[in-house]
Amino acid sequence: MPLISIVTPSYMPVREQLLQAYDSVRGQELPDGWELEWVIQEDGDTGVVRDMLPEDPRVRFGTGRRGGVALTRNIALARSEGALIKNLDQDDILTPGVLSRDIGVLVSDPLVQWTTSRVLDLLPDGSTVGFDNDPPAGRIAPGVVLDHWRKHNYRLPVHPTTICIRRELVVALGGWMGIPASEDTGMLVPASVVSYGYFCSDVGLLYRKWPGQVTAGTEHYATAEWRLRMSLINERAEATKALWSAIKVS
C-alpha cells in the first residue's frame, strides 16, 4: 500500500506536547488504500521518547548520537519508507485532514512535488494567531518562493515546517540542510526553484510558540550566524537552479 511517512526529530521533549503531537497524528484520516508511519528520531540515545508514548505499530522510534536537528531529521528520513515525506516537529500539532489534503494534491497533480499549508501560531494561553499575508491557494511556480524570500529580507511566503514532499526530491537535495537552524528553509528554497509546489489555504498546522522552543532563543537570531545561514541557503538555491537549467538544456 502507498505510505506517507511523518518524520520528527526529538530532543528533551515535553511529554504533554509530544502526546498532543501523537494525538494529532493518530487522528488523521487517509485516502483509501493509504497508510502512515510516524518516524521519531531522538537526538541522543536516552530512549525517553519511547517511554512517553503508548504502544502503536505506526510509530517507529530511533536513537543515535547527538548531532543537532538537521542531522536527526535526516536520519529519520533515512529510516522512513514512505513515498511522501511529511515534516512534523515534536511540539507542533497537525490539524485534522491535513495528510489527506497533502496526499490528494500530490496524487492528482504529478507536476506538483511538494505542498505547504496555512499555519496558526499556538500561544501558551491556548489562543491562536494567523498570518495575514498567505499566498493564494494553488500551485506555486518554480522561482516564486526564492524571489519572495530575497525581496522580503529572507522571509518565506509559506511555512517550511508544513512541507509534504515527494521522497525522490528531498533525497536528491540531500535532505534537510546541515546548518544549526533554518534547515527547513534550506531544503524548501532549493526544492522550490526546480519544481512546482502547492499552498493549501486550510490550516494544516498549529505551530507552538513557547519559551522552550529553539527558535525562541537569542542564538537563533544572532546576526553573524544568521547572515551565514541565509548566505549559504541563497548560494545553494542559486547553484541548484543553475545545475537544473544545465540539465534541462542538455
C-alpha atoms as a PDB file:
ATOM      1  CA  MET A   1       0.000   0.000   0.000  1.00  0.00           C
ATOM      2  CA  PRO A   2       1.178   3.560  -0.594  1.00  0.00           C
ATOM      3  CA  LEU A   3       2.747   5.041   2.535  1.00  0.00           C
ATOM      4  CA  ILE A   4       3.213   8.563   3.865  1.00  0.00           C
ATOM      5  CA  SER A   5       6.000   8.981   6.424  1.00  0.00           C
ATOM      6  CA  ILE A   6       5.889  11.668   9.095  1.00  0.00           C
ATOM      7  CA  VAL A   7       9.430  12.443  10.249  1.00  0.00           C
ATOM      8  CA  THR A   8      10.155  14.078  13.595  1.00  0.00           C
ATOM      9  CA  PRO A   9      13.464  14.880  15.284  1.00  0.00           C
ATOM     10  CA  SER A  10      13.227  14.836  19.064  1.00  0.00           C
ATOM     11  CA  TYR A  11      15.372  16.201  21.870  1.00  0.00           C
ATOM     12  CA  MET A  12      14.300  16.562  25.507  1.00  0.00           C
ATOM     13  CA  PRO A  13      10.576  16.615  24.604  1.00  0.00           C
ATOM     14  CA  VAL A  14       7.865  17.917  26.908  1.00  0.00           C
ATOM     15  CA  ARG A  15       5.602  14.916  27.485  1.00  0.00           C
ATOM     16  CA  GLU A  16       2.329  16.833  27.226  1.00  0.00           C
ATOM     17  CA  GLN A  17       3.385  18.431  23.949  1.00  0.00           C
ATOM     18  CA  LEU A  18       4.590  15.143  22.476  1.00  0.00           C
ATOM     19  CA  LEU A  19       1.317  13.458  23.409  1.00  0.00           C
ATOM     20  CA  GLN A  20      -0.616  16.241  21.693  1.00  0.00           C
ATOM     21  CA  ALA A  21       1.506  15.726  18.583  1.00  0.00           C
ATOM     22  CA  TYR A  22       0.780  11.996  18.794  1.00  0.00           C
ATOM     23  CA  ASP A  23      -2.957  12.578  19.137  1.00  0.00           C
ATOM     24  CA  SER A  24      -2.857  14.778  16.040  1.00  0.00           C
ATOM     25  CA  VAL A  25      -1.117  12.006  14.086  1.00  0.00           C
ATOM     26  CA  ARG A  26      -3.380   9.263  15.416  1.00  0.00           C
ATOM     27  CA  GLY A  27      -6.485  11.221  14.439  1.00  0.00           C
ATOM     28  CA  GLN A  28      -5.564  11.608  10.777  1.00  0.00           C
ATOM     29  CA  GLU A  29      -7.878  10.044   8.224  1.00  0.00           C
ATOM     30  CA  LEU A  30      -6.187   8.977   4.998  1.00  0.00           C
ATOM     31  CA  PRO A  31      -7.487   8.349   1.491  1.00  0.00           C
ATOM     32  CA  ASP A  32      -8.494   4.769   0.761  1.00  0.00           C
ATOM     33  CA  GLY A  33      -5.514   2.492   0.389  1.00  0.00           C
ATOM     34  CA  TRP A  34      -3.001   4.754   2.138  1.00  0.00           C
ATOM     35  CA  GLU A  35      -1.131   4.067   5.348  1.00  0.00           C
ATOM     36  CA  LEU A  36       1.067   6.220   7.565  1.00  0.00           C
ATOM     37  CA  GLU A  37       4.116   5.778   9.732  1.00  0.00           C
ATOM     38  CA  TRP A  38       5.498   8.241  12.272  1.00  0.00           C
ATOM     39  CA  VAL A  39       9.277   8.019  12.450  1.00  0.00           C
ATOM     40  CA  ILE A  40      10.603   9.716  15.581  1.00  0.00           C
ATOM     41  CA  GLN A  41      14.366  10.030  15.802  1.00  0.00           C
ATOM     42  CA  GLU A  42      15.876  11.067  19.120  1.00  0.00           C
ATOM     43  CA  ASP A  43      18.886  13.360  19.012  1.00  0.00           C
ATOM     44  CA  GLY A  44      20.672  11.161  21.534  1.00  0.00           C
ATOM     45  CA  ASP A  45      20.235   7.698  22.997  1.00  0.00           C
ATOM     46  CA  THR A  46      18.275   8.106  26.224  1.00  0.00           C
ATOM     47  CA  GLY A  47      15.167   6.341  24.918  1.00  0.00           C
ATOM     48  CA  VAL A  48      12.995   8.854  26.751  1.00  0.00           C
ATOM     49  CA  VAL A  49      10.730   9.419  23.747  1.00  0.00           C
ATOM     50  CA  ARG A  50       9.665   5.786  23.583  1.00  0.00           C
ATOM     51  CA  ASP A  51       8.704   5.893  27.258  1.00  0.00           C
ATOM     52  CA  MET A  52       6.416   8.893  26.736  1.00  0.00           C
ATOM     53  CA  LEU A  53       4.179   7.422  24.041  1.00  0.00           C
ATOM     54  CA  PRO A  54       1.754   4.490  24.060  1.00  0.00           C
ATOM     55  CA  GLU A  55       2.337   1.367  22.009  1.00  0.00           C
ATOM     56  CA  ASP A  56       1.326   1.977  18.392  1.00  0.00           C
ATOM     57  CA  PRO A  57       2.580  -0.075  15.426  1.00  0.00           C
ATOM     58  CA  ARG A  58       2.555   3.027  13.252  1.00  0.00           C
ATOM     59  CA  VAL A  59       5.118   4.782  15.465  1.00  0.00           C
ATOM     60  CA  ARG A  60       8.765   3.897  14.892  1.00  0.00           C
ATOM     61  CA  PHE A  61      11.446   5.072  17.292  1.00  0.00           C
ATOM     62  CA  GLY A  62      15.147   5.554  16.736  1.00  0.00           C
ATOM     63  CA  THR A  63      18.076   6.763  18.811  1.00  0.00           C
ATOM     64  CA  GLY A  64      21.594   7.800  17.900  1.00  0.00           C
ATOM     65  CA  ARG A  65      24.498  10.052  18.689  1.00  0.00           C
ATOM     66  CA  ARG A  66      23.898  13.755  19.202  1.00  0.00           C
ATOM     67  CA  GLY A  67      24.131  15.737  16.001  1.00  0.00           C
ATOM     68  CA  GLY A  68      21.576  18.534  16.024  1.00  0.00           C
ATOM     69  CA  VAL A  69      18.178  18.915  14.441  1.00  0.00           C
ATOM     70  CA  ALA A  70      19.178  18.726  10.749  1.00  0.00           C
ATOM     71  CA  LEU A  71      21.191  15.527  11.145  1.00  0.00           C
ATOM     72  CA  THR A  72      18.478  13.984  13.315  1.00  0.00           C
ATOM     73  CA  ARG A  73      15.764  14.865  10.821  1.00  0.00           C
ATOM     74  CA  ASN A  74      17.813  13.311   8.021  1.00  0.00           C
ATOM     75  CA  ILE A  75      18.348  10.100   9.998  1.00  0.00           C
ATOM     76  CA  ALA A  76      14.574   9.939  10.446  1.00  0.00           C
ATOM     77  CA  LEU A  77      14.266  10.368   6.677  1.00  0.00           C
ATOM     78  CA  ALA A  78      16.726   7.518   6.127  1.00  0.00           C
ATOM     79  CA  ARG A  79      14.707   5.256   8.423  1.00  0.00           C
ATOM     80  CA  SER A  80      11.406   6.116   6.769  1.00  0.00           C
ATOM     81  CA  GLU A  81       9.867   4.127   3.927  1.00  0.00           C
ATOM     82  CA  GLY A  82       7.150   6.392   2.542  1.00  0.00           C
ATOM     83  CA  ALA A  83       6.837   7.726  -0.991  1.00  0.00           C
ATOM     84  CA  LEU A  84       5.712  11.016   0.582  1.00  0.00           C
ATOM     85  CA  ILE A  85       7.569  12.668   3.456  1.00  0.00           C
ATOM     86  CA  LYS A  86       5.698  14.914   5.880  1.00  0.00           C
ATOM     87  CA  ASN A  87       7.543  17.102   8.360  1.00  0.00           C
ATOM     88  CA  LEU A  88       6.370  17.456  11.971  1.00  0.00           C
ATOM     89  CA  ASP A  89       8.213  18.961  14.918  1.00  0.00           C
ATOM     90  CA  GLN A  90       7.776  17.344  18.315  1.00  0.00           C
ATOM     91  CA  ASP A  91       5.938  20.317  19.829  1.00  0.00           C
ATOM     92  CA  ASP A  92       3.560  21.068  16.933  1.00  0.00           C
ATOM     93  CA  ILE A  93       0.092  19.747  16.104  1.00  0.00           C
ATOM     94  CA  LEU A  94      -1.282  18.544  12.775  1.00  0.00           C
ATOM     95  CA  THR A  95      -4.833  19.658  12.075  1.00  0.00           C
ATOM     96  CA  PRO A  96      -7.497  17.115  11.097  1.00  0.00           C
ATOM     97  CA  GLY A  97      -7.432  16.237   7.416  1.00  0.00           C
ATOM     98  CA  VAL A  98      -4.062  17.744   6.530  1.00  0.00           C
ATOM     99  CA  LEU A  99      -2.471  14.475   5.424  1.00  0.00           C
ATOM    100  CA  SER A 100      -5.456  13.657   3.260  1.00  0.00           C
ATOM    101  CA  ARG A 101      -5.203  17.078   1.610  1.00  0.00           C
ATOM    102  CA  ASP A 102      -1.451  16.706   1.045  1.00  0.00           C
ATOM    103  CA  ILE A 103      -1.873  13.267  -0.476  1.00  0.00           C
ATOM    104  CA  GLY A 104      -4.803  14.409  -2.595  1.00  0.00           C
ATOM    105  CA  VAL A 105      -2.790  17.202  -4.210  1.00  0.00           C
ATOM    106  CA  LEU A 106       0.323  15.121  -4.836  1.00  0.00           C
ATOM    107  CA  VAL A 107      -1.627  12.191  -6.260  1.00  0.00           C
ATOM    108  CA  SER A 108      -3.875  14.276  -8.515  1.00  0.00           C
ATOM    109  CA  ASP A 109      -1.190  16.630  -9.883  1.00  0.00           C
ATOM    110  CA  PRO A 110       2.056  14.887 -10.925  1.00  0.00           C
ATOM    111  CA  LEU A 111       3.659  18.242 -11.687  1.00  0.00           C
ATOM    112  CA  VAL A 112       3.486  19.297  -8.031  1.00  0.00           C
ATOM    113  CA  GLN A 113       6.400  17.967  -5.978  1.00  0.00           C
ATOM    114  CA  TRP A 114       5.673  19.482  -2.569  1.00  0.00           C
ATOM    115  CA  THR A 115       2.832  21.034  -0.605  1.00  0.00           C
ATOM    116  CA  THR A 116       2.575  23.530   2.235  1.00  0.00           C
ATOM    117  CA  SER A 117      -0.355  24.662   4.355  1.00  0.00           C
ATOM    118  CA  ARG A 118      -1.618  27.642   6.280  1.00  0.00           C
ATOM    119  CA  VAL A 119      -0.312  27.856   9.850  1.00  0.00           C
ATOM    120  CA  LEU A 120      -1.699  29.217  13.086  1.00  0.00           C
ATOM    121  CA  ASP A 121       0.654  30.112  15.915  1.00  0.00           C
ATOM    122  CA  LEU A 122      -0.425  28.331  19.102  1.00  0.00           C
ATOM    123  CA  LEU A 123       0.275  30.602  22.066  1.00  0.00           C
ATOM    124  CA  PRO A 124       0.884  29.450  25.663  1.00  0.00           C
ATOM    125  CA  ASP A 125      -2.627  30.531  26.725  1.00  0.00           C
ATOM    126  CA  GLY A 126      -4.184  28.281  24.064  1.00  0.00           C
ATOM    127  CA  SER A 127      -5.161  31.082  21.706  1.00  0.00           C
ATOM    128  CA  THR A 128      -4.082  31.118  18.067  1.00  0.00           C
ATOM    129  CA  VAL A 129      -2.810  33.809  15.737  1.00  0.00           C
ATOM    130  CA  GLY A 130      -2.807  33.632  11.949  1.00  0.00           C
ATOM    131  CA  PHE A 131      -0.580  35.140   9.284  1.00  0.00           C
ATOM    132  CA  ASP A 132      -2.248  37.785   7.123  1.00  0.00           C
ATOM    133  CA  ASN A 133       0.000  37.535   4.049  1.00  0.00           C
ATOM    134  CA  ASP A 134      -0.546  33.968   2.889  1.00  0.00           C
ATOM    135  CA  PRO A 135      -0.262  33.406  -0.870  1.00  0.00           C
ATOM    136  CA  PRO A 136      -3.289  32.417  -2.952  1.00  0.00           C
ATOM    137  CA  ALA A 137      -4.254  28.774  -2.702  1.00  0.00           C
ATOM    138  CA  GLY A 138      -2.981  26.608  -5.528  1.00  0.00           C
ATOM    139  CA  ARG A 139       0.156  25.888  -7.479  1.00  0.00           C
ATOM    140  CA  ILE A 140       3.385  27.768  -6.769  1.00  0.00           C
ATOM    141  CA  ALA A 141       5.564  28.063  -9.855  1.00  0.00           C
ATOM    142  CA  PRO A 142       9.324  27.424  -9.696  1.00  0.00           C
ATOM    143  CA  GLY A 143      11.220  30.526  -8.603  1.00  0.00           C
ATOM    144  CA  VAL A 144       8.325  32.248  -6.826  1.00  0.00           C
ATOM    145  CA  VAL A 145       9.413  31.241  -3.315  1.00  0.00           C
ATOM    146  CA  LEU A 146      13.038  32.233  -3.935  1.00  0.00           C
ATOM    147  CA  ASP A 147      12.103  35.618  -5.379  1.00  0.00           C
ATOM    148  CA  HIS A 148       9.801  36.404  -2.449  1.00  0.00           C
ATOM    149  CA  TRP A 149      12.405  35.231   0.063  1.00  0.00           C
ATOM    150  CA  ARG A 150      15.050  37.510  -1.386  1.00  0.00           C
ATOM    151  CA  LYS A 151      12.785  40.538  -1.714  1.00  0.00           C
ATOM    152  CA  HIS A 152      11.412  40.314   1.836  1.00  0.00           C
ATOM    153  CA  ASN A 153      14.587  40.087   3.905  1.00  0.00           C
ATOM    154  CA  TYR A 154      14.679  36.296   3.783  1.00  0.00           C
ATOM    155  CA  ARG A 155      11.079  35.779   4.868  1.00  0.00           C
ATOM    156  CA  LEU A 156       9.272  32.946   3.123  1.00  0.00           C
ATOM    157  CA  PRO A 157       5.747  33.222   1.692  1.00  0.00           C
ATOM    158  CA  VAL A 158       4.915  29.747   3.045  1.00  0.00           C
ATOM    159  CA  HIS A 159       5.902  27.955   6.250  1.00  0.00           C
ATOM    160  CA  PRO A 160       8.559  25.281   5.583  1.00  0.00           C
ATOM    161  CA  THR A 161       7.646  23.244   8.650  1.00  0.00           C
ATOM    162  CA  THR A 162       4.344  22.304   6.967  1.00  0.00           C
ATOM    163  CA  ILE A 163       6.020  20.694   3.971  1.00  0.00           C
ATOM    164  CA  CYS A 164       4.977  17.380   2.483  1.00  0.00           C
ATOM    165  CA  ILE A 165       7.384  16.406  -0.288  1.00  0.00           C
ATOM    166  CA  ARG A 166       7.966  13.561  -2.680  1.00  0.00           C
ATOM    167  CA  ARG A 167      10.709  11.298  -1.420  1.00  0.00           C
ATOM    168  CA  GLU A 168      12.753  11.414  -4.636  1.00  0.00           C
ATOM    169  CA  LEU A 169      13.061  15.201  -4.482  1.00  0.00           C
ATOM    170  CA  VAL A 170      14.018  15.548  -0.830  1.00  0.00           C
ATOM    171  CA  VAL A 171      16.604  12.768  -1.169  1.00  0.00           C
ATOM    172  CA  ALA A 172      18.029  14.287  -4.365  1.00  0.00           C
ATOM    173  CA  LEU A 173      18.527  17.566  -2.487  1.00  0.00           C
ATOM    174  CA  GLY A 174      20.392  15.829   0.323  1.00  0.00           C
ATOM    175  CA  GLY A 175      17.543  16.127   2.826  1.00  0.00           C
ATOM    176  CA  TRP A 176      17.362  18.965   5.293  1.00  0.00           C
ATOM    177  CA  MET A 177      20.285  21.366   5.136  1.00  0.00           C
ATOM    178  CA  GLY A 178      23.130  20.743   7.568  1.00  0.00           C
ATOM    179  CA  ILE A 179      23.152  24.085   9.357  1.00  0.00           C
ATOM    180  CA  PRO A 180      22.461  24.932  13.035  1.00  0.00           C
ATOM    181  CA  ALA A 181      18.991  26.329  12.275  1.00  0.00           C
ATOM    182  CA  SER A 182      16.774  27.207   9.287  1.00  0.00           C
ATOM    183  CA  GLU A 183      17.428  23.710   7.937  1.00  0.00           C
ATOM    184  CA  ASP A 184      13.831  23.526   6.731  1.00  0.00           C
ATOM    185  CA  THR A 185      14.234  26.779   4.785  1.00  0.00           C
ATOM    186  CA  GLY A 186      17.486  25.380   3.403  1.00  0.00           C
ATOM    187  CA  MET A 187      15.569  22.427   1.978  1.00  0.00           C
ATOM    188  CA  LEU A 188      12.417  24.206   0.799  1.00  0.00           C
ATOM    189  CA  VAL A 189      14.095  27.044  -1.094  1.00  0.00           C
ATOM    190  CA  PRO A 190      16.166  24.864  -3.464  1.00  0.00           C
ATOM    191  CA  ALA A 191      13.234  22.476  -3.862  1.00  0.00           C
ATOM    192  CA  SER A 192      11.110  25.421  -4.927  1.00  0.00           C
ATOM    193  CA  VAL A 193      13.456  26.502  -7.721  1.00  0.00           C
ATOM    194  CA  VAL A 194      13.366  23.152  -9.528  1.00  0.00           C
ATOM    195  CA  SER A 195       9.739  22.133  -9.051  1.00  0.00           C
ATOM    196  CA  TYR A 196       6.151  23.242  -8.659  1.00  0.00           C
ATOM    197  CA  GLY A 197       4.739  23.416  -5.167  1.00  0.00           C
ATOM    198  CA  TYR A 198       1.270  23.956  -3.770  1.00  0.00           C
ATOM    199  CA  PHE A 199      -0.204  26.063  -0.998  1.00  0.00           C
ATOM    200  CA  CYS A 200      -3.361  24.919   0.779  1.00  0.00           C
ATOM    201  CA  SER A 201      -5.301  27.715   2.441  1.00  0.00           C
ATOM    202  CA  ASP A 202      -6.837  25.353   5.002  1.00  0.00           C
ATOM    203  CA  VAL A 203      -4.965  25.394   8.307  1.00  0.00           C
ATOM    204  CA  GLY A 204      -2.602  22.420   8.339  1.00  0.00           C
ATOM    205  CA  LEU A 205      -0.571  23.012  11.478  1.00  0.00           C
ATOM    206  CA  LEU A 206      -0.681  24.595  14.907  1.00  0.00           C
ATOM    207  CA  TYR A 207       2.824  25.964  15.404  1.00  0.00           C
ATOM    208  CA  ARG A 208       3.530  26.094  19.097  1.00  0.00           C
ATOM    209  CA  LYS A 209       5.079  29.300  20.425  1.00  0.00           C
ATOM    210  CA  TRP A 210       6.620  28.782  23.855  1.00  0.00           C
ATOM    211  CA  PRO A 211       9.765  29.849  25.733  1.00  0.00           C
ATOM    212  CA  GLY A 212      11.468  26.464  25.399  1.00  0.00           C
ATOM    213  CA  GLN A 213      11.424  26.233  21.606  1.00  0.00           C
ATOM    214  CA  VAL A 214      14.722  26.555  19.759  1.00  0.00           C
ATOM    215  CA  THR A 215      13.563  29.498  17.650  1.00  0.00           C
ATOM    216  CA  ALA A 216      12.738  31.445  20.819  1.00  0.00           C
ATOM    217  CA  GLY A 217      16.382  31.535  21.879  1.00  0.00           C
ATOM    218  CA  THR A 218      18.614  34.516  21.238  1.00  0.00           C
ATOM    219  CA  GLU A 219      21.153  32.271  19.494  1.00  0.00           C
ATOM    220  CA  HIS A 220      18.668  31.676  16.679  1.00  0.00           C
ATOM    221  CA  TYR A 221      18.789  35.350  15.729  1.00  0.00           C
ATOM    222  CA  ALA A 222      22.497  36.031  16.349  1.00  0.00           C
ATOM    223  CA  THR A 223      23.393  38.340  13.470  1.00  0.00           C
ATOM    224  CA  ALA A 224      26.664  36.775  12.328  1.00  0.00           C
ATOM    225  CA  GLU A 225      25.358  33.209  12.179  1.00  0.00           C
ATOM    226  CA  TRP A 226      22.013  34.260  10.690  1.00  0.00           C
ATOM    227  CA  ARG A 227      23.780  36.010   7.827  1.00  0.00           C
ATOM    228  CA  LEU A 228      25.920  32.963   7.183  1.00  0.00           C
ATOM    229  CA  ARG A 229      22.873  30.687   7.127  1.00  0.00           C
ATOM    230  CA  MET A 230      20.977  32.936   4.734  1.00  0.00           C
ATOM    231  CA  SER A 231      24.026  33.341   2.514  1.00  0.00           C
ATOM    232  CA  LEU A 232      24.570  29.593   2.238  1.00  0.00           C
ATOM    233  CA  ILE A 233      20.882  28.888   1.589  1.00  0.00           C
ATOM    234  CA  ASN A 234      20.914  31.538  -1.136  1.00  0.00           C
ATOM    235  CA  GLU A 235      24.062  30.059  -2.669  1.00  0.00           C
ATOM    236  CA  ARG A 236      22.589  26.565  -2.550  1.00  0.00           C
ATOM    237  CA  ALA A 237      19.415  27.737  -4.265  1.00  0.00           C
ATOM    238  CA  GLU A 238      21.375  29.534  -6.992  1.00  0.00           C
ATOM    239  CA  ALA A 239      23.637  26.538  -7.583  1.00  0.00           C
ATOM    240  CA  THR A 240      20.645  24.185  -7.692  1.00  0.00           C
ATOM    241  CA  LYS A 241      18.879  26.425 -10.193  1.00  0.00           C
ATOM    242  CA  ALA A 242      21.970  26.643 -12.410  1.00  0.00           C
ATOM    243  CA  LEU A 243      22.536  22.892 -12.343  1.00  0.00           C
ATOM    244  CA  TRP A 244      18.880  22.192 -13.101  1.00  0.00           C
ATOM    245  CA  SER A 245      18.937  24.628 -16.027  1.00  0.00           C
ATOM    246  CA  ALA A 246      22.045  22.941 -17.420  1.00  0.00           C
ATOM    247  CA  ILE A 247      20.436  19.521 -17.165  1.00  0.00           C
ATOM    248  CA  LYS A 248      17.294  20.708 -18.982  1.00  0.00           C
ATOM    249  CA  VAL A 249      19.357  22.252 -21.789  1.00  0.00           C
ATOM    250  CA  SER A 250      21.432  19.123 -22.262  1.00  0.00           C
END
